[in-house]
Amino acid sequence: MEKFADEAVIEVFSGSGGNGCASFRREKYIPKGGPSGGDGGRGGAVVFVVRRNLRTLAHLRYKHTFKAENGRDGENWGRYGANGDDIIIPLPPGSIIRDALTNELIRDFTRDNKDFIFLKGGNGGWGNIHFKSSINRAPRKALPGKPGLSAKLKVELQIMADIGLVGFPNAGKSSLLDKFTNARPKIASYPFTTKIPNLGVLNISEKDIIIADIPGLIEGASEGAGLGIRFLKHISRTQALAFLIDLGEDNYLEAFDILLNELSAFSEDLANKKRLIVGTKIDLEGTEERLAELIAKYSEEEVMGISVFSNSGIKELSYAFLRLTEVPEKEEAVSDDILTDEDFDDDINEDFDEGENP
């Protein structure tokens, strides 16, 4: 992930068709054998395919031009030219293709992961065998192949996740991701430890929940300050957001409002997603009282407290994440019993109680 890339501009070219051949049979005892020129082959196409093992667009960072093979020319004896090979361009899930000049959306792979033939190759030209008639028994006419097509494209990546972690730098997002999943993000006690998005998978109640940790936001992020604004698009497709508030910081009561304002400035849809507020580091002295103040101030929001260090509240938060990712028609049925241990695998509960990753 160190070579993370979420945007690339590339040029693509489909192959030109091969030329048709103008030739005649020349055999002993057949002085007027007639036309025998074959058709040219079709040019190769430009094809985009989704590869689930890809996570970034780093493979497009240094190679910007992709060209399919041209079709081969037709030959004597009625032999057709071979078709040109397609150029296959692999993309990670969540990729979007736009016209680099007009920004028009061409394909959204977050909705459809099927192979996409973007540019077809040029047709091969006809050989002179097609032009024989009762009037013209020896046509010398053959057609050239059709030229291929080209385009300049902008490829963008939107990481697809279920839960997006939002918070100021050093709020504990990476620590929570490390606790819940097998992801191993860089963790340290200084701000902006996370410089690229990280993904992890929380497996609970036989369901995989994909969690995305983006670089921390700061006030003014929607205007370009800090690192997080560049990566906000990666949580635009999430089902829900978890706002992590560091209860050890002095701005713990204003943090949620600042974060929500930055999201609203970036996208109203993003700010209106399902969400919960998570007060972190409740193992620190005095944070229990601060958590109570946070709950009182945001009485209409769901507010929880956790400590990755002491494992407090971790199991309850995993249940909340599960509930947030349920489909709407099932939410009512799930919410009644979501906090009962009977609905979850005993092994998972024991793992959380022992402070281990599920």
Protein backbone atom coordinates (compact mmCIF):
# COMPACT_ATOMS: atom_id res chain seq x y z
CA MET A 1 0.00 0.00 0.00
CA GLU A 2 2.99 2.33 0.17
CA LYS A 3 2.60 2.92 -3.57
CA PHE A 4 -1.06 3.77 -3.19
CA ALA A 5 -2.56 5.51 -6.21
CA ASP A 6 -6.22 6.41 -6.60
CA GLU A 7 -6.13 8.41 -9.84
CA ALA A 8 -4.51 7.93 -13.24
CA VAL A 9 -4.80 9.45 -16.71
CA ILE A 10 -4.24 7.01 -19.55
CA GLU A 11 -4.54 6.90 -23.33
CA VAL A 12 -6.04 3.85 -24.98
CA PHE A 13 -5.99 2.78 -28.63
CA SER A 14 -7.90 -0.01 -30.30
CA GLY A 15 -6.20 -1.81 -33.18
CA SER A 16 -6.67 -0.92 -36.83
CA GLY A 17 -8.10 -3.50 -39.20
CA GLY A 18 -5.79 -5.25 -41.62
CA ASN A 19 -5.86 -4.36 -45.31
CA GLY A 20 -7.63 -6.51 -47.83
CA CYS A 21 -5.48 -8.24 -50.44
CA ALA A 22 -5.79 -7.86 -54.23
CA SER A 23 -4.31 -10.98 -55.84
CA PHE A 24 -5.11 -13.63 -58.43
CA ARG A 25 -4.71 -17.38 -58.66
CA ARG A 26 -1.64 -18.29 -60.63
CA GLU A 27 -1.63 -22.03 -61.21
CA LYS A 28 -0.42 -24.18 -64.04
CA TYR A 29 -3.11 -24.86 -66.59
CA ILE A 30 -5.35 -22.21 -64.98
CA PRO A 31 -4.26 -19.01 -66.72
CA LYS A 32 -7.27 -17.04 -65.57
CA GLY A 33 -7.79 -18.30 -62.05
CA GLY A 34 -9.68 -15.26 -60.85
CA PRO A 35 -9.32 -13.10 -57.70
CA SER A 36 -8.00 -14.75 -54.53
CA GLY A 37 -7.21 -11.88 -52.14
CA GLY A 38 -8.36 -12.49 -48.56
CA ASP A 39 -9.79 -10.02 -46.06
CA GLY A 40 -7.77 -8.24 -43.41
CA GLY A 41 -8.21 -9.20 -39.77
CA ARG A 42 -10.14 -7.13 -37.22
CA GLY A 43 -8.12 -4.94 -34.89
CA GLY A 44 -7.96 -5.73 -31.19
CA ALA A 45 -10.33 -4.07 -28.72
CA VAL A 46 -9.67 -2.13 -25.50
CA VAL A 47 -11.16 -4.15 -22.64
CA PHE A 48 -11.36 -3.25 -18.95
CA VAL A 49 -11.67 -6.08 -16.42
CA VAL A 50 -12.07 -6.00 -12.64
CA ARG A 51 -9.45 -7.91 -10.64
CA ARG A 52 -10.30 -8.42 -6.99
CA ASN A 53 -6.65 -8.90 -6.04
CA LEU A 54 -5.90 -5.28 -7.02
CA ARG A 55 -6.30 -2.59 -4.38
CA THR A 56 -4.85 0.52 -6.05
CA LEU A 57 -4.14 2.05 -9.45
CA ALA A 58 -0.39 1.88 -8.89
CA HIS A 59 0.04 -0.33 -11.98
CA LEU A 60 -1.17 2.63 -14.09
CA ARG A 61 1.29 5.06 -12.53
CA TYR A 62 4.15 4.45 -14.94
CA LYS A 63 2.40 2.98 -17.95
CA HIS A 64 0.04 5.53 -19.46
CA THR A 65 -0.48 4.19 -23.00
CA PHE A 66 -2.34 1.01 -23.89
CA LYS A 67 -2.65 -0.11 -27.49
CA ALA A 68 -4.38 -3.17 -28.88
CA GLU A 69 -2.80 -5.11 -31.72
CA ASN A 70 -3.60 -4.29 -35.34
CA GLY A 71 -5.26 -6.88 -37.53
CA ARG A 72 -3.03 -8.66 -40.06
CA ASP A 73 -3.38 -8.02 -43.79
CA GLY A 74 -5.21 -10.49 -46.00
CA GLU A 75 -3.12 -12.79 -48.20
CA ASN A 76 -3.22 -14.69 -51.47
CA TRP A 77 -5.13 -17.94 -51.85
CA GLY A 78 -8.11 -16.45 -50.03
CA ARG A 79 -6.33 -16.42 -46.68
CA TYR A 80 -7.80 -14.01 -44.16
CA GLY A 81 -5.53 -11.98 -41.92
CA ALA A 82 -5.45 -12.84 -38.22
CA ASN A 83 -7.39 -10.68 -35.81
CA GLY A 84 -5.36 -8.44 -33.53
CA ASP A 85 -5.13 -9.29 -29.83
CA ASP A 86 -7.21 -7.24 -27.42
CA ILE A 87 -5.49 -5.08 -24.82
CA ILE A 88 -6.70 -6.06 -21.34
CA ILE A 89 -6.52 -3.35 -18.68
CA PRO A 90 -7.10 -4.66 -15.13
CA LEU A 91 -8.73 -2.41 -12.54
CA PRO A 92 -9.51 -2.84 -8.84
CA PRO A 93 -13.13 -3.01 -7.65
CA GLY A 94 -14.61 0.43 -7.15
CA SER A 95 -12.95 2.00 -10.18
CA ILE A 96 -14.62 4.70 -12.25
CA ILE A 97 -13.72 5.65 -15.82
CA ARG A 98 -14.31 9.17 -17.10
CA ASP A 99 -13.48 11.07 -20.25
CA ALA A 100 -10.36 13.04 -19.34
CA LEU A 101 -11.40 16.03 -21.44
CA THR A 102 -15.12 16.36 -20.62
CA ASN A 103 -15.20 14.47 -17.28
CA GLU A 104 -18.20 12.54 -18.60
CA LEU A 105 -18.81 9.27 -16.76
CA ILE A 106 -18.12 6.29 -18.99
CA ARG A 107 -18.26 3.33 -16.62
CA ASP A 108 -18.82 2.89 -12.89
CA PHE A 109 -17.38 -0.41 -11.72
CA THR A 110 -18.83 0.09 -8.24
CA ARG A 111 -22.18 -0.93 -9.75
CA ASP A 112 -21.17 -3.41 -12.44
CA ASN A 113 -18.06 -5.59 -12.30
CA LYS A 114 -18.55 -7.22 -15.69
CA ASP A 115 -15.84 -6.99 -18.35
CA PHE A 116 -16.25 -3.81 -20.36
CA ILE A 117 -15.33 -3.57 -24.05
CA PHE A 118 -14.67 0.15 -24.34
CA LEU A 119 -13.29 0.55 -27.86
CA LYS A 120 -13.79 -2.01 -30.59
CA GLY A 121 -11.05 -2.58 -33.12
CA GLY A 122 -11.34 -1.47 -36.73
CA ASN A 123 -12.86 -3.88 -39.25
CA GLY A 124 -10.54 -5.57 -41.69
CA GLY A 125 -10.66 -4.47 -45.33
CA TRP A 126 -12.23 -6.71 -47.96
CA GLY A 127 -10.02 -8.58 -50.38
CA ASN A 128 -10.74 -8.56 -54.08
CA ILE A 129 -12.62 -11.88 -53.93
CA HIS A 130 -15.62 -9.81 -52.79
CA PHE A 131 -15.66 -7.68 -55.94
CA LYS A 132 -15.89 -10.41 -58.56
CA SER A 133 -19.02 -10.13 -60.67
CA SER A 134 -20.41 -11.24 -64.02
CA ILE A 135 -19.21 -7.97 -65.46
CA ASN A 136 -15.83 -7.73 -63.76
CA ARG A 137 -14.15 -11.14 -63.59
CA ALA A 138 -10.76 -9.79 -62.54
CA PRO A 139 -11.29 -7.01 -60.01
CA ARG A 140 -8.16 -5.32 -58.76
CA LYS A 141 -10.00 -3.54 -55.98
CA ALA A 142 -9.32 -4.25 -52.29
CA LEU A 143 -10.27 -2.14 -49.29
CA PRO A 144 -7.97 -0.87 -46.55
CA GLY A 145 -8.70 -1.75 -42.95
CA LYS A 146 -10.67 0.65 -40.80
CA PRO A 147 -8.53 2.65 -38.36
CA GLY A 148 -8.76 1.97 -34.64
CA LEU A 149 -10.21 4.39 -32.11
CA SER A 150 -8.48 6.27 -29.32
CA ALA A 151 -9.45 8.07 -26.13
CA LYS A 152 -7.87 9.82 -23.19
CA LEU A 153 -9.35 8.60 -19.92
CA LYS A 154 -9.25 9.49 -16.27
CA VAL A 155 -9.45 6.46 -14.00
CA GLU A 156 -10.49 7.03 -10.39
CA LEU A 157 -10.69 4.62 -7.50
CA GLN A 158 -13.30 4.71 -4.78
CA ILE A 159 -12.51 2.11 -2.16
CA MET A 160 -15.62 0.11 -1.37
CA ALA A 161 -16.28 -0.41 2.33
CA ASP A 162 -19.22 -0.88 4.70
CA ILE A 163 -18.06 1.37 7.56
CA GLY A 164 -15.89 4.47 7.19
CA LEU A 165 -13.86 5.71 10.17
CA VAL A 166 -13.81 9.50 10.45
CA GLY A 167 -11.85 11.53 12.96
CA PHE A 168 -9.06 13.96 13.67
CA PRO A 169 -5.46 12.77 13.40
CA ASN A 170 -4.46 10.45 16.25
CA ALA A 171 -8.08 9.83 17.30
CA GLY A 172 -7.52 6.07 17.37
CA LYS A 173 -8.87 5.05 13.94
CA SER A 174 -5.88 2.91 12.99
CA SER A 175 -5.78 1.30 16.42
CA LEU A 176 -9.45 0.35 16.12
CA LEU A 177 -8.93 -1.06 12.63
CA ASP A 178 -5.99 -3.10 13.93
CA LYS A 179 -8.12 -4.35 16.84
CA PHE A 180 -11.07 -5.41 14.71
CA THR A 181 -9.34 -6.82 11.66
CA ASN A 182 -6.23 -8.42 10.26
CA ALA A 183 -5.14 -5.10 8.76
CA ARG A 184 -1.87 -3.78 10.11
CA PRO A 185 -1.93 -0.01 9.63
CA LYS A 186 0.93 2.13 10.85
CA ILE A 187 0.22 3.27 14.41
CA ALA A 188 2.12 5.94 16.33
CA SER A 189 1.48 8.75 18.83
CA TYR A 190 1.96 11.58 16.34
CA PRO A 191 -0.63 13.09 13.95
CA PHE A 192 -1.01 12.00 10.32
CA THR A 193 0.40 8.54 10.92
CA THR A 194 -2.08 7.30 8.31
CA LYS A 195 -1.21 8.79 4.94
CA ILE A 196 -3.17 6.39 2.74
CA PRO A 197 -6.54 4.64 3.19
CA ASN A 198 -6.44 1.29 4.94
CA LEU A 199 -8.99 -1.51 4.69
CA GLY A 200 -9.76 -4.32 7.06
CA VAL A 201 -12.42 -7.01 7.38
CA LEU A 202 -14.31 -7.59 10.62
CA ASN A 203 -15.85 -11.05 10.62
CA ILE A 204 -18.75 -11.36 13.03
CA SER A 205 -21.94 -13.42 13.08
CA GLU A 206 -20.87 -15.10 9.82
CA LYS A 207 -20.72 -11.73 8.07
CA ASP A 208 -17.73 -9.80 6.72
CA ILE A 209 -17.81 -6.07 7.41
CA ILE A 210 -15.27 -4.05 5.45
CA ILE A 211 -13.92 -1.09 7.44
CA ALA A 212 -12.05 1.83 5.85
CA ASP A 213 -9.67 4.07 7.77
CA ILE A 214 -8.80 7.30 5.95
CA PRO A 215 -6.18 9.89 6.94
CA GLY A 216 -7.38 12.16 9.72
CA LEU A 217 -9.34 15.30 8.98
CA ILE A 218 -8.59 18.73 10.36
CA GLU A 219 -10.65 21.89 10.42
CA GLY A 220 -10.60 23.40 6.95
CA ALA A 221 -10.16 20.02 5.27
CA SER A 222 -12.98 20.73 2.81
CA GLU A 223 -10.92 23.68 1.57
CA GLY A 224 -7.82 21.55 1.09
CA ALA A 225 -6.15 21.62 4.50
CA GLY A 226 -4.51 18.47 5.76
CA LEU A 227 -4.52 15.04 4.14
CA GLY A 228 -8.03 13.69 4.61
CA ILE A 229 -9.87 15.74 1.97
CA ARG A 230 -8.12 13.86 -0.83
CA PHE A 231 -9.45 10.58 0.48
CA LEU A 232 -12.99 11.54 1.50
CA LYS A 233 -14.27 10.14 -1.79
CA HIS A 234 -13.23 6.69 -0.56
CA ILE A 235 -15.95 6.69 2.09
CA SER A 236 -18.63 8.17 -0.18
CA ARG A 237 -19.92 4.67 -1.01
CA THR A 238 -19.93 3.35 2.56
CA GLN A 239 -23.16 2.35 4.25
CA ALA A 240 -22.37 4.14 7.49
CA LEU A 241 -19.77 6.28 9.27
CA ALA A 242 -18.19 6.05 12.70
CA PHE A 243 -17.00 9.38 14.07
CA LEU A 244 -14.10 8.77 16.45
CA ILE A 245 -13.67 11.43 19.13
CA ASP A 246 -10.51 11.47 21.27
CA LEU A 247 -11.78 12.00 24.81
CA GLY A 248 -8.26 12.87 25.90
CA GLU A 249 -8.26 16.05 23.78
CA ASP A 250 -9.62 19.41 24.96
CA ASN A 251 -11.90 19.81 21.91
CA TYR A 252 -13.85 16.61 22.56
CA LEU A 253 -17.19 18.45 22.79
CA GLU A 254 -16.71 20.38 19.52
CA ALA A 255 -14.98 17.67 17.50
CA PHE A 256 -18.12 16.02 16.10
CA ASP A 257 -19.59 19.33 14.89
CA ILE A 258 -16.33 20.27 13.16
CA LEU A 259 -16.05 16.87 11.47
CA LEU A 260 -19.67 16.91 10.36
CA ASN A 261 -19.29 20.41 8.93
CA GLU A 262 -16.28 19.32 6.89
CA LEU A 263 -18.19 16.35 5.52
CA SER A 264 -21.18 18.55 4.68
CA ALA A 265 -18.93 20.97 2.81
CA PHE A 266 -17.55 18.06 0.80
CA SER A 267 -20.85 16.23 0.22
CA GLU A 268 -24.28 16.50 1.79
CA ASP A 269 -24.92 12.85 0.97
CA LEU A 270 -21.83 11.89 2.93
CA ALA A 271 -22.93 13.90 5.95
CA ASN A 272 -26.39 12.30 5.89
CA LYS A 273 -25.24 8.70 6.06
CA LYS A 274 -26.11 6.44 8.97
CA ARG A 275 -23.62 7.12 11.74
CA LEU A 276 -22.57 6.75 15.32
CA ILE A 277 -20.20 8.67 17.59
CA VAL A 278 -17.41 6.75 19.28
CA GLY A 279 -15.54 8.28 22.20
CA THR A 280 -12.08 6.73 22.31
CA LYS A 281 -9.41 6.24 24.99
CA ILE A 282 -11.85 5.88 27.90
CA ASP A 283 -9.07 4.16 29.83
CA LEU A 284 -7.53 7.60 30.45
CA GLU A 285 -8.24 9.40 33.70
CA GLY A 286 -11.28 11.67 33.58
CA THR A 287 -12.61 10.39 30.28
CA GLU A 288 -15.66 8.65 31.81
CA GLU A 289 -17.02 12.07 32.78
CA ARG A 290 -16.19 13.44 29.35
CA LEU A 291 -18.03 10.54 27.70
CA ALA A 292 -21.10 11.32 29.82
CA GLU A 293 -20.94 14.96 28.66
CA LEU A 294 -20.66 13.83 25.05
CA ILE A 295 -23.70 11.56 25.43
CA ALA A 296 -25.70 14.37 27.04
CA LYS A 297 -24.82 16.90 24.33
CA TYR A 298 -25.69 14.56 21.47
CA SER A 299 -28.71 12.87 22.97
CA GLU A 300 -30.24 12.34 19.52
CA GLU A 301 -27.14 10.54 18.26
CA GLU A 302 -25.90 7.07 19.12
CA VAL A 303 -22.81 7.59 21.27
CA MET A 304 -20.52 4.84 22.57
CA GLY A 305 -17.24 4.74 24.45
CA ILE A 306 -14.33 2.39 23.82
CA SER A 307 -10.76 1.72 24.79
CA VAL A 308 -8.62 -0.34 22.46
CA PHE A 309 -6.02 -0.60 25.23
CA SER A 310 -8.35 -2.06 27.88
CA ASN A 311 -10.79 -3.67 25.40
CA SER A 312 -13.70 -1.78 26.98
CA GLY A 313 -16.71 -1.34 24.69
CA ILE A 314 -15.09 -3.14 21.77
CA LYS A 315 -17.60 -5.97 21.66
CA GLU A 316 -20.56 -3.58 21.84
CA LEU A 317 -19.11 -1.48 19.03
CA SER A 318 -18.77 -4.54 16.80
CA TYR A 319 -22.47 -5.24 17.34
CA ALA A 320 -23.27 -1.64 16.42
CA PHE A 321 -21.27 -1.97 13.21
CA LEU A 322 -23.20 -5.11 12.36
CA ARG A 323 -26.49 -3.34 12.91
CA LEU A 324 -25.47 -0.36 10.77
CA THR A 325 -24.66 -2.61 7.84
CA GLU A 326 -27.90 -4.56 7.85
CA VAL A 327 -30.19 -3.94 4.87
CA PRO A 328 -33.05 -1.51 5.68
CA GLU A 329 -35.85 -4.07 5.60
CA LYS A 330 -34.10 -6.17 8.23
CA GLU A 331 -32.99 -3.38 10.54
CA GLU A 332 -36.08 -3.45 12.72
CA ALA A 333 -35.89 -7.19 13.31
CA VAL A 334 -32.18 -7.10 14.03
CA SER A 335 -32.19 -4.07 16.31
CA ASP A 336 -34.47 -5.72 18.89
CA ASP A 337 -31.97 -8.44 19.71
CA ILE A 338 -28.70 -7.14 18.33
CA LEU A 339 -27.07 -6.68 21.73
CA THR A 340 -27.71 -10.17 23.05
CA ASP A 341 -24.76 -12.55 23.15
CA GLU A 342 -26.97 -15.45 22.07
CA ASP A 343 -27.09 -14.03 18.54
CA PHE A 344 -23.34 -14.21 18.12
CA ASP A 345 -20.81 -16.93 17.95
CA ASP A 346 -19.46 -17.87 21.39
CA ASP A 347 -15.91 -18.03 20.08
CA ILE A 348 -16.11 -14.41 18.90
CA ASN A 349 -17.37 -13.26 22.29
CA GLU A 350 -14.55 -15.09 24.05
CA ASP A 351 -12.01 -13.51 21.72
CA PHE A 352 -13.23 -10.04 22.59
CA ASP A 353 -13.27 -10.81 26.33
CA GLU A 354 -9.66 -11.97 26.12
CA GLY A 355 -8.60 -8.88 24.19
CA GLU A 356 -7.84 -10.74 20.95
CA ASN A 357 -8.85 -9.93 17.39
CA PRO A 358 -12.01 -11.71 16.20
